[in-house]
Amino acid sequence: MNLDEVYSQLTTKTGAKLALVVLDGLGDIATSSQGNMTPLEAAHTPNLDALVRAGCAQGRMIPVAPGITPGSGPGHLGLFGYDPLEFQVGRGVIEALGLGVTLKAGDVCARANFCTLDADGNVTDRRAGRIPTEECERLCAILSKKIKKLGTTQVMITPGKEHRFVIVFRGAGLEGPLSDTDPGREGQPIAEAKPSKPTSAKQKKVAKLIQDFYAQALPLLAGEARANGFLMRGIAHQPDIPVFDERYQLKAACLAVYPMYKGLAQLVGMTKIEGPQTIREQFERYLAERANYDYFFIHFKYTDKAGEDGDFEAKKKYVEEFDAALPILLSKKPDVLAITGDHSTPCPVKGHSWHPQPVLLHSALSGNDKLDRFTETGANLGSLGVFEAKYLIRLMQANAKMFDKFGA
C-alpha cells in the first residue's frame, strides 16, 4: 500500500474550512547589499505578526527535492499534494486552461512570451519590456489572422496578461513534451524545440510544426519595436491527474488573477472563481464564498514579479500590501490557514531558486512556536522543520482533524 492510499483510508469529512494562501516566490535570501535582511524580514507586517503571536507553527518547505529549482507548475502541484516528480505538467497546458481554452485529447500547448530580438536574432529582453495586455492582444490578433493552420494541424493563439500568450496545436499524431525555445537568458538566439524522446515520431512532428510556425510568425512581427519575437515554454499535452476533491474529500475553489494559476487549479479539479483583481478583492470573495467550499487556494503574484526584477523594495512593498489586506481574511478565519510561497524567488538571483520557502500554519491545534514574526529566520526555528511541500496539504488535513488513527 502506498502512502496516498493510507491517507485516503484514514480521511474523514469534518466540515472544516481550509485556506492555502500563496505569496508567489515569497522566499528570499539575506545579503550584505540588502542589509542582511530579506524583503519579508524588512517589511512592516503588523497583521502577520499578530497572527504569529496568537499561535502558529512555522517551517521551511522543499518544493521538489534538495537543490532543484522548480517552475511554477511543480511548485504549486507540490502545495496541492501532488508529487512534482510523479505528476509533470507542461506550462502551456496550465496556461491554456487558465485562459479558458477547452482542450481536446492530443492537443499540444505552449506558453509563449513576446520578446525583443536584435538585428542578429539574439534575445535582448525575454519579456519584451512587459508590454501591456492590450498590445499583446493586438499582436496575437495579427498572428491568429495570418496563421490558422500548418498543413492539416489547426493553430490557436490566445492572449494572456502583459507579454504572455498561449499557442495550441490541434491535429492527429501530436505529443509532448518538447524542450523550450526560451534560451533562459538574454544574449542568446531563440532555441530549437527538441523532442524529449528523440525517437518519437509524434514529438518530431510537433518540433517541425514549431519550426514552421516560427518561419511564418517572425516576419509578421519584424516591424515591432519591442515585441518582434517570441519564446515558447512548457510545450506538452495534458496529463491524467487525480481530482482534488476525490483525493482529499475537500470541495476546492481557486481565487487567482493570473491565468496560469487558474489553470493549475483547474487541472486538479478546483472551481475557478472569476472576478477579483486585487488581494483585497480576493479576500472579500473568500468571505462571500466561504460557505460554499471546504478549501480555498488564494494566489498573490506580485512578490514573484518583484523578485524576478531583483527589486528588493518592491518585493517588500508587496508583502506589506498583502499584510494590509489580511484582516479581511481573518475576519472569518479559516479553521486551518497556511501562508507560504510556491518557491523562492530571491532578489539577488532574479529568478526562481532552490532555497526552501517559509511556511506558516495556523489552527486550533497547530501549537505555538512562540515566535514574534513570520520570516525566513523564524521559519528556521519553527516546529514544522524542513519538509517536502507535497506534505503540506496532509498537515492541513491533520490540523482539521480529518484523519482517523492509523493502526491499533
Protein backbone atom coordinates (compact mmCIF):
# COMPACT_ATOMS: atom_id res chain seq x y z
CA MET A 1 0.00 0.00 0.00
CA ASN A 2 1.42 3.40 -0.93
CA LEU A 3 1.23 6.45 1.31
CA ASP A 4 -1.58 8.16 -0.62
CA GLU A 5 -3.74 5.06 -0.14
CA VAL A 6 -3.06 5.18 3.60
CA TYR A 7 -4.12 8.82 3.77
CA SER A 8 -7.25 8.07 1.73
CA GLN A 9 -8.30 5.25 4.07
CA LEU A 10 -7.83 7.48 7.12
CA THR A 11 -9.67 10.52 5.70
CA THR A 12 -12.96 11.69 7.19
CA LYS A 13 -15.03 14.78 6.40
CA THR A 14 -15.31 17.26 9.27
CA GLY A 15 -16.78 20.39 7.71
CA ALA A 16 -13.61 22.35 8.48
CA LYS A 17 -12.61 25.32 6.32
CA LEU A 18 -9.05 25.26 4.98
CA ALA A 19 -7.20 28.02 3.12
CA LEU A 20 -3.85 27.95 1.34
CA VAL A 21 -2.57 31.48 0.69
CA VAL A 22 0.38 31.61 -1.69
CA LEU A 23 2.60 34.67 -1.98
CA ASP A 24 4.31 33.62 -5.19
CA GLY A 25 8.10 33.44 -4.90
CA LEU A 26 7.93 34.58 -1.27
CA GLY A 27 11.20 33.06 -0.09
CA ASP A 28 14.39 35.12 -0.35
CA ILE A 29 17.95 35.24 0.93
CA ALA A 30 19.68 37.88 3.02
CA THR A 31 22.79 39.56 1.62
CA SER A 32 25.00 42.39 2.85
CA SER A 33 23.84 44.56 -0.07
CA GLN A 34 20.28 44.24 1.31
CA GLY A 35 21.22 44.99 4.90
CA ASN A 36 21.40 41.27 5.70
CA MET A 37 17.61 41.09 5.57
CA THR A 38 15.09 39.53 3.23
CA PRO A 39 12.10 41.54 1.95
CA LEU A 40 9.85 39.53 4.29
CA GLU A 41 12.06 40.44 7.24
CA ALA A 42 12.30 44.10 6.24
CA ALA A 43 8.56 44.52 5.61
CA HIS A 44 6.21 46.10 8.17
CA THR A 45 3.71 43.29 8.79
CA PRO A 46 1.66 44.01 11.93
CA ASN A 47 -1.17 41.67 10.94
CA LEU A 48 1.06 38.71 10.17
CA ASP A 49 2.94 39.43 13.39
CA ALA A 50 -0.29 39.38 15.40
CA LEU A 51 -1.31 36.08 13.78
CA VAL A 52 2.06 34.54 14.66
CA ARG A 53 1.87 35.70 18.26
CA ALA A 54 -1.65 34.25 18.54
CA GLY A 55 -0.16 30.83 17.89
CA CYS A 56 1.36 29.36 14.75
CA ALA A 57 3.77 26.68 13.65
CA GLN A 58 6.46 27.64 11.16
CA GLY A 59 8.96 25.80 8.98
CA ARG A 60 10.59 25.63 5.57
CA MET A 61 9.47 23.57 2.59
CA ILE A 62 11.46 21.91 -0.18
CA PRO A 63 9.33 22.37 -3.34
CA VAL A 64 10.66 19.35 -5.29
CA ALA A 65 13.93 17.93 -3.95
CA PRO A 66 17.05 19.47 -2.40
CA GLY A 67 18.89 21.67 -4.87
CA ILE A 68 16.20 21.53 -7.59
CA THR A 69 14.82 24.87 -8.76
CA PRO A 70 11.10 24.45 -9.59
CA GLY A 71 8.93 26.12 -12.15
CA SER A 72 5.57 27.47 -11.06
CA GLY A 73 3.80 24.29 -12.12
CA PRO A 74 5.82 21.88 -9.96
CA GLY A 75 5.85 24.42 -7.14
CA HIS A 76 2.06 24.64 -6.98
CA LEU A 77 1.39 20.96 -7.63
CA GLY A 78 3.57 20.21 -4.61
CA LEU A 79 1.49 22.60 -2.50
CA PHE A 80 -1.65 20.81 -3.71
CA GLY A 81 -0.15 17.49 -2.54
CA TYR A 82 0.83 16.08 -5.93
CA ASP A 83 4.43 14.86 -6.13
CA PRO A 84 6.01 17.09 -8.80
CA LEU A 85 8.27 14.26 -9.89
CA GLU A 86 5.30 11.96 -10.47
CA PHE A 87 2.89 14.47 -11.99
CA GLN A 88 4.80 16.51 -14.56
CA VAL A 89 2.65 19.09 -16.32
CA GLY A 90 3.67 21.34 -19.19
CA ARG A 91 3.30 25.03 -18.52
CA GLY A 92 1.46 25.51 -21.79
CA VAL A 93 -1.35 23.18 -20.69
CA ILE A 94 -1.72 25.07 -17.41
CA GLU A 95 -1.76 28.47 -19.08
CA ALA A 96 -4.26 27.34 -21.73
CA LEU A 97 -6.68 26.03 -19.11
CA GLY A 98 -6.33 29.25 -17.13
CA LEU A 99 -7.23 31.30 -20.19
CA GLY A 100 -10.40 29.27 -20.64
CA VAL A 101 -9.22 27.21 -23.62
CA THR A 102 -11.09 23.92 -23.88
CA LEU A 103 -8.50 21.26 -24.66
CA LYS A 104 -9.01 18.01 -26.51
CA ALA A 105 -7.06 14.79 -26.21
CA GLY A 106 -3.89 15.10 -28.27
CA ASP A 107 -3.69 18.90 -28.16
CA VAL A 108 -0.17 20.21 -27.62
CA CYS A 109 0.09 23.55 -25.82
CA ALA A 110 2.89 26.03 -25.34
CA ARG A 111 3.11 29.04 -23.09
CA ALA A 112 4.67 31.86 -25.11
CA ASN A 113 6.25 35.20 -24.23
CA PHE A 114 6.73 38.04 -26.64
CA CYS A 115 10.39 39.06 -26.56
CA THR A 116 12.77 41.57 -28.12
CA LEU A 117 15.34 40.42 -30.70
CA ASP A 118 18.36 42.37 -32.00
CA ALA A 119 19.43 42.51 -35.63
CA ASP A 120 21.35 39.24 -35.24
CA GLY A 121 18.33 37.41 -33.84
CA ASN A 122 19.61 37.33 -30.25
CA VAL A 123 17.20 37.90 -27.37
CA THR A 124 17.76 41.25 -25.66
CA ASP A 125 14.64 41.20 -23.46
CA ARG A 126 12.89 37.88 -22.71
CA ARG A 127 9.66 39.71 -21.71
CA ALA A 128 9.56 42.48 -24.34
CA GLY A 129 9.56 45.13 -21.61
CA ARG A 130 6.40 43.57 -20.15
CA ILE A 131 4.26 45.10 -22.88
CA PRO A 132 0.70 45.97 -21.82
CA THR A 133 -2.02 43.37 -22.25
CA GLU A 134 -3.69 45.46 -24.98
CA GLU A 135 -0.51 45.28 -27.05
CA CYS A 136 -0.33 41.52 -26.58
CA GLU A 137 -3.93 41.21 -27.75
CA ARG A 138 -3.18 43.25 -30.88
CA LEU A 139 -0.18 41.12 -31.80
CA CYS A 140 -2.00 37.86 -31.13
CA ALA A 141 -4.81 39.01 -33.41
CA ILE A 142 -2.26 39.59 -36.20
CA LEU A 143 -0.79 36.12 -35.78
CA SER A 144 -4.21 34.48 -35.49
CA LYS A 145 -5.45 36.10 -38.67
CA LYS A 146 -2.46 35.01 -40.74
CA ILE A 147 -1.69 31.57 -39.25
CA LYS A 148 -4.75 29.39 -38.81
CA LYS A 149 -3.29 26.09 -39.97
CA LEU A 150 0.04 24.42 -40.59
CA GLY A 151 -0.72 21.67 -43.06
CA THR A 152 -3.59 19.75 -41.51
CA THR A 153 -2.83 20.96 -37.97
CA GLN A 154 -5.01 23.73 -36.52
CA VAL A 155 -3.22 26.57 -34.72
CA MET A 156 -5.00 28.52 -31.96
CA ILE A 157 -3.44 31.62 -30.37
CA THR A 158 -4.89 33.10 -27.19
CA PRO A 159 -3.55 36.27 -25.50
CA GLY A 160 -2.87 36.34 -21.77
CA LYS A 161 -1.67 39.10 -19.47
CA GLU A 162 1.10 41.51 -20.48
CA HIS A 163 3.65 39.72 -22.72
CA ARG A 164 2.20 36.22 -22.29
CA PHE A 165 0.07 34.17 -24.69
CA VAL A 166 -0.73 30.54 -25.48
CA ILE A 167 -0.32 28.52 -28.65
CA VAL A 168 -2.32 25.30 -29.11
CA PHE A 169 -1.60 22.83 -31.92
CA ARG A 170 -4.56 20.57 -32.66
CA GLY A 171 -4.33 17.67 -35.07
CA ALA A 172 -3.57 13.99 -35.48
CA GLY A 173 -0.38 12.39 -34.25
CA LEU A 174 0.88 15.06 -31.83
CA GLU A 175 2.60 14.57 -28.48
CA GLY A 176 4.83 16.38 -25.98
CA PRO A 177 6.88 17.26 -24.14
CA LEU A 178 9.50 19.20 -26.09
CA SER A 179 12.27 21.46 -24.85
CA ASP A 180 11.73 25.21 -24.57
CA THR A 181 12.68 27.69 -27.27
CA ASP A 182 13.42 30.17 -24.46
CA PRO A 183 17.24 30.21 -24.08
CA GLY A 184 16.79 31.19 -20.42
CA ARG A 185 18.89 34.34 -20.62
CA GLU A 186 19.47 37.37 -22.79
CA GLY A 187 22.20 37.46 -25.43
CA GLN A 188 21.26 34.08 -26.94
CA PRO A 189 19.22 33.22 -30.04
CA ILE A 190 15.83 31.52 -29.91
CA ALA A 191 16.49 27.87 -29.08
CA GLU A 192 15.27 24.91 -31.09
CA ALA A 193 12.38 22.89 -29.63
CA LYS A 194 13.62 19.31 -29.36
CA PRO A 195 11.67 16.13 -28.56
CA SER A 196 12.18 14.67 -25.08
CA LYS A 197 12.12 11.29 -26.82
CA PRO A 198 14.29 11.63 -29.95
CA THR A 199 12.73 8.51 -31.50
CA SER A 200 9.11 9.71 -31.08
CA ALA A 201 7.51 10.41 -34.46
CA LYS A 202 4.73 12.39 -32.76
CA GLN A 203 7.18 14.66 -30.97
CA LYS A 204 9.24 15.10 -34.13
CA LYS A 205 6.06 16.21 -35.88
CA VAL A 206 5.45 18.85 -33.21
CA ALA A 207 9.07 20.04 -33.48
CA LYS A 208 8.59 20.54 -37.23
CA LEU A 209 5.30 22.38 -36.64
CA ILE A 210 7.05 24.77 -34.24
CA GLN A 211 9.79 25.44 -36.80
CA ASP A 212 7.15 26.18 -39.43
CA PHE A 213 5.23 28.41 -37.04
CA TYR A 214 8.32 30.50 -36.31
CA ALA A 215 9.07 30.75 -40.02
CA GLN A 216 5.64 32.28 -40.65
CA ALA A 217 5.23 34.29 -37.44
CA LEU A 218 8.55 36.11 -37.06
CA PRO A 219 8.22 38.08 -40.33
CA LEU A 220 4.80 39.30 -39.15
CA LEU A 221 6.44 40.77 -36.02
CA ALA A 222 9.61 42.10 -37.65
CA GLY A 223 8.44 45.74 -37.63
CA GLU A 224 7.60 45.82 -33.93
CA ALA A 225 9.85 47.96 -31.71
CA ARG A 226 9.79 45.66 -28.67
CA ALA A 227 7.75 42.52 -29.33
CA ASN A 228 9.46 41.43 -32.55
CA GLY A 229 9.89 37.83 -31.41
CA PHE A 230 8.52 35.24 -29.01
CA LEU A 231 9.70 32.35 -26.88
CA MET A 232 7.88 29.11 -26.11
CA ARG A 233 7.95 27.13 -22.86
CA GLY A 234 6.18 24.12 -21.38
CA ILE A 235 5.41 22.50 -24.74
CA ALA A 236 3.32 19.48 -23.73
CA HIS A 237 -0.02 17.69 -23.80
CA GLN A 238 -2.49 17.32 -20.93
CA PRO A 239 -1.68 14.53 -18.44
CA ASP A 240 -4.11 12.43 -16.38
CA ILE A 241 -4.22 13.74 -12.78
CA PRO A 242 -6.41 12.57 -9.84
CA VAL A 243 -9.18 15.03 -8.95
CA PHE A 244 -8.57 17.14 -5.82
CA ASP A 245 -11.94 16.65 -4.11
CA GLU A 246 -11.80 12.85 -4.55
CA ARG A 247 -8.20 12.71 -3.36
CA TYR A 248 -8.72 14.86 -0.25
CA GLN A 249 -12.51 14.88 0.34
CA LEU A 250 -12.44 18.68 0.07
CA LYS A 251 -14.53 20.81 -2.27
CA ALA A 252 -11.96 23.31 -3.51
CA ALA A 253 -12.05 26.78 -5.05
CA CYS A 254 -9.37 28.94 -6.63
CA LEU A 255 -9.05 32.71 -6.24
CA ALA A 256 -6.26 33.79 -8.57
CA VAL A 257 -5.72 36.65 -11.00
CA TYR A 258 -3.19 35.23 -13.48
CA PRO A 259 -4.28 32.54 -15.96
CA MET A 260 -1.51 30.10 -15.18
CA TYR A 261 -2.56 29.69 -11.56
CA LYS A 262 -6.21 29.36 -12.51
CA GLY A 263 -5.10 26.68 -14.95
CA LEU A 264 -3.14 24.79 -12.29
CA ALA A 265 -6.18 24.82 -10.04
CA GLN A 266 -8.49 23.65 -12.84
CA LEU A 267 -6.05 20.90 -13.77
CA VAL A 268 -6.66 19.23 -10.39
CA GLY A 269 -10.39 19.95 -10.43
CA MET A 270 -10.73 23.13 -8.36
CA THR A 271 -13.52 25.56 -9.22
CA LYS A 272 -12.17 28.75 -10.76
CA ILE A 273 -13.82 31.84 -9.24
CA GLU A 274 -13.59 34.79 -11.63
CA GLY A 275 -13.75 38.49 -10.89
CA PRO A 276 -11.35 39.59 -8.13
CA GLN A 277 -8.30 41.50 -9.37
CA THR A 278 -6.61 42.56 -6.12
CA ILE A 279 -5.72 40.71 -2.95
CA ARG A 280 -8.36 42.69 -1.04
CA GLU A 281 -11.00 41.63 -3.58
CA GLN A 282 -9.80 38.03 -3.39
CA PHE A 283 -10.16 38.00 0.40
CA GLU A 284 -13.59 39.65 0.17
CA ARG A 285 -14.70 36.99 -2.31
CA TYR A 286 -13.44 34.32 0.10
CA LEU A 287 -15.84 35.75 2.70
CA ALA A 288 -18.70 35.64 0.20
CA GLU A 289 -17.95 32.06 -0.91
CA ARG A 290 -16.83 30.63 2.44
CA ALA A 291 -19.97 28.57 2.98
CA ASN A 292 -19.77 27.01 -0.49
CA TYR A 293 -16.34 25.38 -0.34
CA ASP A 294 -14.11 23.48 2.09
CA TYR A 295 -10.74 24.55 0.70
CA PHE A 296 -9.57 27.83 -0.83
CA PHE A 297 -6.41 28.38 -2.87
CA ILE A 298 -5.67 32.13 -2.88
CA HIS A 299 -2.78 33.33 -5.05
CA PHE A 300 -0.83 36.60 -4.89
CA LYS A 301 1.56 37.04 -7.83
CA TYR A 302 3.45 40.26 -7.27
CA THR A 303 6.11 39.14 -4.79
CA ASP A 304 7.42 36.84 -7.52
CA LYS A 305 7.47 39.57 -10.16
CA ALA A 306 9.49 41.86 -7.90
CA GLY A 307 11.91 39.04 -7.10
CA GLU A 308 12.43 38.33 -10.81
CA ASP A 309 13.18 42.01 -11.34
CA GLY A 310 15.65 41.97 -8.44
CA ASP A 311 13.66 44.78 -6.83
CA PHE A 312 14.03 44.43 -3.06
CA GLU A 313 11.94 47.48 -2.21
CA ALA A 314 9.09 46.41 -4.50
CA LYS A 315 9.01 42.91 -3.02
CA LYS A 316 8.96 44.39 0.47
CA LYS A 317 6.13 46.74 -0.57
CA TYR A 318 4.06 43.87 -1.97
CA VAL A 319 4.46 41.89 1.26
CA GLU A 320 3.17 44.98 3.11
CA GLU A 321 0.25 45.30 0.65
CA PHE A 322 -0.67 41.69 1.36
CA ASP A 323 -0.41 42.25 5.11
CA ALA A 324 -2.67 45.29 4.97
CA ALA A 325 -5.41 43.19 3.33
CA LEU A 326 -5.01 40.19 5.65
CA PRO A 327 -7.58 41.32 8.28
CA ILE A 328 -10.32 40.77 5.68
CA LEU A 329 -9.47 37.06 5.51
CA LEU A 330 -9.02 36.83 9.27
CA SER A 331 -12.45 38.36 9.97
CA LYS A 332 -13.80 34.87 9.19
CA LYS A 333 -10.63 32.95 9.85
CA PRO A 334 -10.31 29.53 8.21
CA ASP A 335 -10.11 26.64 10.65
CA VAL A 336 -6.73 25.85 9.10
CA LEU A 337 -4.68 28.54 7.40
CA ALA A 338 -1.36 28.06 5.60
CA ILE A 339 0.61 31.05 4.27
CA THR A 340 3.66 30.32 2.14
CA GLY A 341 5.20 30.57 -1.33
CA ASP A 342 5.31 28.08 -4.16
CA HIS A 343 9.10 28.52 -4.27
CA SER A 344 11.69 31.17 -3.50
CA THR A 345 12.46 34.00 -5.94
CA PRO A 346 15.39 35.79 -4.29
CA CYS A 347 16.11 39.32 -5.43
CA PRO A 348 19.85 38.59 -5.79
CA VAL A 349 19.04 35.65 -8.07
CA LYS A 350 16.41 37.49 -10.17
CA GLY A 351 14.62 34.20 -10.73
CA HIS A 352 13.33 31.06 -9.08
CA SER A 353 15.74 29.22 -6.82
CA TRP A 354 16.19 26.02 -4.83
CA HIS A 355 16.05 27.70 -1.42
CA PRO A 356 13.29 26.23 0.80
CA GLN A 357 10.37 28.64 1.15
CA PRO A 358 9.00 29.68 4.58
CA VAL A 359 5.59 28.39 5.67
CA LEU A 360 3.20 29.39 8.44
CA LEU A 361 0.45 27.05 9.67
CA HIS A 362 -2.31 28.29 11.98
CA SER A 363 -5.12 26.28 13.56
CA ALA A 364 -6.52 25.49 16.99
CA LEU A 365 -4.15 22.51 17.02
CA SER A 366 -1.06 23.91 15.29
CA GLY A 367 0.70 24.73 18.52
CA ASN A 368 2.62 27.92 19.24
CA ASP A 369 6.26 28.20 18.27
CA LYS A 370 6.44 31.36 20.41
CA LEU A 371 7.96 33.39 17.62
CA ASP A 372 7.28 37.08 17.04
CA ARG A 373 7.19 37.23 13.25
CA PHE A 374 6.80 35.21 10.06
CA THR A 375 10.23 35.38 8.40
CA GLU A 376 12.79 33.05 6.89
CA THR A 377 14.83 33.32 10.10
CA GLY A 378 11.81 32.50 12.27
CA ALA A 379 10.80 29.65 9.99
CA ASN A 380 14.22 28.10 10.52
CA LEU A 381 13.38 27.81 14.23
CA GLY A 382 9.81 26.54 13.84
CA SER A 383 8.38 23.21 14.93
CA LEU A 384 7.49 22.13 11.39
CA GLY A 385 11.17 21.88 10.50
CA VAL A 386 12.11 21.35 6.86
CA PHE A 387 9.78 19.09 4.85
CA GLU A 388 8.68 18.43 1.30
CA ALA A 389 5.92 20.72 0.05
CA LYS A 390 3.76 17.76 -1.04
CA TYR A 391 3.04 17.05 2.64
CA LEU A 392 1.59 20.49 3.40
CA ILE A 393 -1.97 19.52 2.44
CA ARG A 394 -1.68 16.46 4.69
CA LEU A 395 -0.59 18.62 7.64
CA MET A 396 -3.53 20.93 6.91
CA GLN A 397 -5.91 17.94 6.91
CA ALA A 398 -4.42 16.68 10.17
CA ASN A 399 -4.94 20.10 11.77
CA ALA A 400 -8.55 19.92 10.55
CA LYS A 401 -8.91 16.57 12.37
CA MET A 402 -9.61 14.83 9.07
CA PHE A 403 -7.57 11.67 9.77
CA ASP A 404 -8.59 8.68 11.85
CA LYS A 405 -5.91 6.94 13.92
CA PHE A 406 -3.63 4.63 11.96
CA GLY A 407 -3.39 1.11 13.32
CA ALA A 408 -4.44 -0.41 16.63
